[in-house]
Amino acid sequence: MLWFIAFVLGVIIGSFVNVLVVRLAASEPMGGRSRCRSCGQQLAWHHNIPLLSFVWLKGRCAWCHQPICWQYPLVELCLGLLFAWGAYLMPANDWLWLITFWVLAAYATSLFVFDFRFKTLPDVLTLSGAVVLWLLNFIRGFAIESLLAASLVAAGFFAIQYAVSRGKWIGSGDIRLGLFMGAAVGWPQVLAALVISYWLGAGWGIMLISFKKNYSLKSALPFGTFLTASTVVVFLWGEKLIRWYLSFMIG
């Protein structure tokens, strides 16, 4: 039953994440009723039920009949699944672990979508997420040295790349995202998150080069998407991945 409650909660939070991302990108206030992005018509409450309304409306606005962006149901579904998966993996009634994961999942999804769509990482999300996750993990028993070291190493790693390339390799937002990553997983797990993100980025880049004629090695990638995804993966399976890697290298 917990996984189902978690799924519903995740879908609801996913709906909020959609509003947050779209309005933050458009510099719009967070308050007020939702409107169709095509015709501007205010949505009725029954047009705004997470997941269900999209299915009922067959993916189109009830007023102008323009297609509704697939971002909305996908984010709601993915965050619902992440919340449910976290509930399934929760260690022995460790509710603080679950709350921390849910917070990470909500922030990571927001940053993933924002970077994927708009190629930028807003400081209001990366920095507030870092502070909240620092606090939660400190309460969970993480040593402050672990959290600080992880954040400084990740942020410093990106800061060096940004300085050397003069902003050509990565954006300055990745530096703040490094703080977020360190706060989420601590030391030394942040190293695994960095390694996995580069593998994900390389794999995605190779796939795009293979299937897109106008794509090359010089084309820009929304690297924040890989960094946020790898952070979630390491939060869930970081210790197992590190043990597997060490046994593979040694054995």
Protein backbone atom coordinates (compact mmCIF):
# COMPACT_ATOMS: atom_id res chain seq x y z
CA MET A 1 0.00 0.00 0.00
CA LEU A 2 2.88 2.39 0.78
CA TRP A 3 4.21 2.24 -2.77
CA PHE A 4 0.77 3.21 -4.13
CA ILE A 5 0.48 6.17 -1.75
CA ALA A 6 4.02 7.15 -2.72
CA PHE A 7 3.13 6.94 -6.42
CA VAL A 8 0.10 9.21 -5.99
CA LEU A 9 2.16 11.68 -3.94
CA GLY A 10 4.90 11.64 -6.59
CA VAL A 11 2.38 12.33 -9.37
CA ILE A 12 1.01 15.30 -7.41
CA ILE A 13 4.52 16.65 -6.75
CA GLY A 14 5.29 16.08 -10.43
CA SER A 15 2.39 18.35 -11.34
CA PHE A 16 3.88 21.05 -9.12
CA VAL A 17 7.30 20.51 -10.69
CA ASN A 18 5.79 21.15 -14.13
CA VAL A 19 4.29 24.42 -12.96
CA LEU A 20 7.54 25.40 -11.23
CA VAL A 21 9.71 24.74 -14.29
CA VAL A 22 7.43 26.44 -16.82
CA ARG A 23 6.71 29.51 -14.71
CA LEU A 24 10.29 29.90 -13.52
CA ALA A 25 11.54 29.74 -17.12
CA ALA A 26 8.98 32.37 -18.17
CA SER A 27 9.68 34.55 -15.08
CA GLU A 28 6.03 34.25 -14.10
CA PRO A 29 4.69 34.31 -10.49
CA MET A 30 4.14 30.95 -8.86
CA GLY A 31 0.64 31.84 -7.66
CA GLY A 32 -2.58 31.83 -9.64
CA ARG A 33 -4.58 29.27 -11.62
CA SER A 34 -3.00 27.34 -14.49
CA ARG A 35 -3.70 28.41 -18.06
CA CYS A 36 -3.30 26.80 -21.46
CA ARG A 37 0.11 27.74 -22.84
CA SER A 38 -1.38 28.02 -26.34
CA CYS A 39 -4.62 30.02 -25.94
CA GLY A 40 -4.20 31.44 -22.43
CA GLN A 41 -7.58 30.15 -21.24
CA GLN A 42 -7.76 29.44 -17.51
CA LEU A 43 -8.08 25.72 -16.83
CA ALA A 44 -10.98 24.29 -14.85
CA TRP A 45 -10.07 22.16 -11.85
CA HIS A 46 -11.09 18.95 -13.65
CA HIS A 47 -8.77 19.85 -16.54
CA ASN A 48 -5.83 19.97 -14.18
CA ILE A 49 -5.89 16.58 -12.44
CA PRO A 50 -2.38 15.05 -12.70
CA LEU A 51 -2.14 12.30 -15.36
CA LEU A 52 -5.90 11.66 -15.46
CA SER A 53 -6.84 14.93 -17.16
CA PHE A 54 -4.26 14.39 -19.90
CA VAL A 55 -5.79 10.99 -20.68
CA TRP A 56 -9.37 12.27 -20.44
CA LEU A 57 -8.64 15.24 -22.72
CA LYS A 58 -6.75 12.95 -25.13
CA GLY A 59 -3.66 15.13 -24.87
CA ARG A 60 -5.35 18.32 -26.13
CA CYS A 61 -6.55 21.57 -24.57
CA ALA A 62 -10.29 21.52 -23.82
CA TRP A 63 -10.65 25.03 -25.27
CA CYS A 64 -8.35 25.46 -28.28
CA HIS A 65 -7.69 21.73 -28.88
CA GLN A 66 -3.95 22.33 -29.33
CA PRO A 67 -1.72 19.44 -28.18
CA ILE A 68 -0.66 19.52 -24.55
CA CYS A 69 3.10 19.28 -24.13
CA TRP A 70 4.16 15.73 -23.29
CA GLN A 71 6.37 17.13 -20.55
CA TYR A 72 3.37 17.30 -18.22
CA PRO A 73 2.31 13.63 -18.10
CA LEU A 74 5.87 12.34 -18.44
CA VAL A 75 7.17 14.32 -15.46
CA GLU A 76 4.14 13.34 -13.36
CA LEU A 77 4.51 9.66 -14.26
CA CYS A 78 8.29 9.56 -13.79
CA LEU A 79 8.20 11.27 -10.42
CA GLY A 80 5.36 9.00 -9.33
CA LEU A 81 7.45 5.97 -10.27
CA LEU A 82 10.52 7.39 -8.52
CA PHE A 83 8.55 8.01 -5.32
CA ALA A 84 7.10 4.49 -5.46
CA TRP A 85 10.52 2.95 -6.15
CA GLY A 86 11.99 4.83 -3.22
CA ALA A 87 9.22 3.49 -0.96
CA TYR A 88 9.99 -0.03 -2.20
CA LEU A 89 13.73 0.34 -1.51
CA MET A 90 13.37 2.12 1.84
CA PRO A 91 15.68 0.49 4.40
CA ALA A 92 13.82 -0.94 7.44
CA ASN A 93 11.32 1.85 8.15
CA ASP A 94 13.96 4.54 7.66
CA TRP A 95 11.47 7.31 6.96
CA LEU A 96 14.13 10.01 7.01
CA TRP A 97 15.95 8.18 4.19
CA LEU A 98 12.72 8.09 2.21
CA ILE A 99 11.96 11.77 2.78
CA THR A 100 15.50 12.67 1.73
CA PHE A 101 15.16 10.61 -1.42
CA TRP A 102 11.80 12.18 -2.27
CA VAL A 103 13.29 15.65 -1.85
CA LEU A 104 16.24 14.67 -4.04
CA ALA A 105 13.95 13.16 -6.68
CA ALA A 106 11.78 16.30 -6.84
CA TYR A 107 14.75 18.65 -7.13
CA ALA A 108 16.61 16.39 -9.57
CA THR A 109 13.56 16.06 -11.81
CA SER A 110 13.07 19.84 -11.82
CA LEU A 111 16.71 20.42 -12.76
CA PHE A 112 16.67 17.61 -15.34
CA VAL A 113 13.66 19.06 -17.15
CA PHE A 114 14.90 22.64 -16.86
CA ASP A 115 18.30 21.85 -18.35
CA PHE A 116 16.86 19.56 -21.01
CA ARG A 117 14.35 22.14 -22.23
CA PHE A 118 16.07 25.46 -21.58
CA LYS A 119 19.79 24.53 -21.41
CA THR A 120 20.27 26.29 -18.08
CA LEU A 121 20.27 25.47 -14.37
CA PRO A 122 18.58 28.09 -12.16
CA ASP A 123 20.48 28.92 -8.98
CA VAL A 124 17.24 29.07 -7.01
CA LEU A 125 16.89 25.31 -7.52
CA THR A 126 20.51 24.15 -7.26
CA LEU A 127 21.39 26.22 -4.21
CA SER A 128 18.15 25.71 -2.28
CA GLY A 129 18.35 21.98 -3.08
CA ALA A 130 21.92 21.85 -1.81
CA VAL A 131 20.98 23.54 1.48
CA VAL A 132 17.95 21.29 2.08
CA LEU A 133 19.88 18.11 1.27
CA TRP A 134 22.85 19.16 3.39
CA LEU A 135 20.47 19.61 6.33
CA LEU A 136 18.59 16.34 5.77
CA ASN A 137 21.76 14.26 5.35
CA PHE A 138 23.36 15.90 8.37
CA ILE A 139 20.29 14.91 10.43
CA ARG A 140 20.60 11.41 8.96
CA GLY A 141 24.10 11.16 10.43
CA PHE A 142 26.39 12.21 7.60
CA ALA A 143 29.60 13.81 8.85
CA ILE A 144 29.75 17.50 7.98
CA GLU A 145 33.25 16.87 6.60
CA SER A 146 31.83 14.31 4.16
CA LEU A 147 29.18 16.67 2.86
CA LEU A 148 31.53 19.64 2.57
CA ALA A 149 34.28 17.63 0.91
CA ALA A 150 31.87 16.11 -1.61
CA SER A 151 30.33 19.46 -2.50
CA LEU A 152 33.65 21.30 -2.76
CA VAL A 153 35.29 18.58 -4.84
CA ALA A 154 32.38 18.37 -7.30
CA ALA A 155 31.97 22.15 -7.54
CA GLY A 156 35.74 22.63 -7.81
CA PHE A 157 35.95 20.00 -10.55
CA PHE A 158 33.44 21.92 -12.65
CA ALA A 159 34.92 25.30 -11.73
CA ILE A 160 38.32 24.24 -13.10
CA GLN A 161 36.75 23.07 -16.35
CA TYR A 162 34.77 26.28 -16.63
CA ALA A 163 37.88 28.42 -16.04
CA VAL A 164 40.15 26.47 -18.38
CA SER A 165 37.62 26.39 -21.23
CA ARG A 166 36.30 29.92 -20.51
CA GLY A 167 32.79 28.49 -20.35
CA LYS A 168 33.00 26.50 -23.59
CA TRP A 169 32.94 23.00 -22.05
CA ILE A 170 30.36 23.50 -19.33
CA GLY A 171 28.13 26.26 -18.01
CA SER A 172 28.57 28.06 -14.72
CA GLY A 173 25.36 26.43 -13.47
CA ASP A 174 27.16 23.09 -13.32
CA ILE A 175 29.40 24.50 -10.59
CA ARG A 176 26.41 25.09 -8.33
CA LEU A 177 25.03 21.72 -9.37
CA GLY A 178 28.26 20.23 -8.02
CA LEU A 179 27.33 21.60 -4.59
CA PHE A 180 23.92 19.97 -4.97
CA MET A 181 25.44 16.60 -5.92
CA GLY A 182 27.80 16.59 -2.97
CA ALA A 183 25.01 17.49 -0.56
CA ALA A 184 22.87 14.67 -1.96
CA VAL A 185 25.29 11.73 -1.75
CA GLY A 186 28.33 12.81 0.29
CA TRP A 187 31.91 11.57 0.03
CA PRO A 188 33.14 9.40 -1.72
CA GLN A 189 29.86 8.56 -3.49
CA VAL A 190 29.99 11.87 -5.34
CA LEU A 191 32.96 10.52 -7.30
CA ALA A 192 30.80 7.66 -8.56
CA ALA A 193 28.10 10.15 -9.55
CA LEU A 194 30.62 12.15 -11.57
CA VAL A 195 31.97 9.07 -13.34
CA ILE A 196 28.50 7.74 -14.17
CA SER A 197 27.38 11.14 -15.50
CA TYR A 198 30.28 11.23 -17.96
CA TRP A 199 29.55 7.70 -19.11
CA LEU A 200 25.89 8.61 -19.62
CA GLY A 201 26.85 11.77 -21.48
CA ALA A 202 29.30 9.90 -23.70
CA GLY A 203 26.75 7.22 -24.51
CA TRP A 204 24.06 9.76 -25.34
CA GLY A 205 26.48 11.76 -27.47
CA ILE A 206 27.55 8.69 -29.46
CA MET A 207 23.92 7.79 -30.06
CA LEU A 208 23.10 11.30 -31.30
CA ILE A 209 26.13 11.34 -33.61
CA SER A 210 25.08 7.96 -35.00
CA PHE A 211 21.47 8.92 -35.71
CA LYS A 212 21.53 12.69 -36.27
CA LYS A 213 23.27 14.07 -39.34
CA ASN A 214 23.50 17.62 -37.96
CA TYR A 215 25.09 16.50 -34.69
CA SER A 216 28.85 16.43 -34.04
CA LEU A 217 31.38 16.24 -31.21
CA LYS A 218 31.24 20.04 -30.96
CA SER A 219 27.48 20.10 -30.36
CA ALA A 220 26.32 21.14 -26.90
CA LEU A 221 24.74 18.63 -24.52
CA PRO A 222 22.48 19.52 -21.57
CA PHE A 223 25.01 17.98 -19.17
CA GLY A 224 22.95 18.80 -16.11
CA THR A 225 20.50 16.07 -17.13
CA PHE A 226 23.21 13.42 -16.80
CA LEU A 227 24.51 14.88 -13.53
CA THR A 228 21.07 14.85 -11.91
CA ALA A 229 20.27 11.35 -13.17
CA SER A 230 23.58 9.95 -11.94
CA THR A 231 23.06 11.57 -8.53
CA VAL A 232 19.73 9.78 -8.11
CA VAL A 233 21.30 6.48 -9.20
CA VAL A 234 24.17 6.84 -6.73
CA PHE A 235 21.84 7.79 -3.88
CA LEU A 236 19.98 4.51 -4.43
CA TRP A 237 22.85 2.17 -5.33
CA GLY A 238 26.08 4.10 -4.74
CA GLU A 239 27.70 1.75 -2.23
CA LYS A 240 26.86 -1.33 -4.32
CA LEU A 241 28.24 0.30 -7.46
CA ILE A 242 31.47 1.27 -5.69
CA ARG A 243 31.92 -2.24 -4.26
CA TRP A 244 31.24 -3.77 -7.68
CA TYR A 245 33.75 -1.44 -9.35
CA LEU A 246 36.46 -2.10 -6.76
CA SER A 247 35.94 -5.88 -6.96
CA PHE A 248 36.05 -5.67 -10.76
CA MET A 249 39.29 -3.65 -10.74
CA ILE A 250 40.99 -5.73 -8.06
CA GLY A 251 39.66 -9.11 -9.12
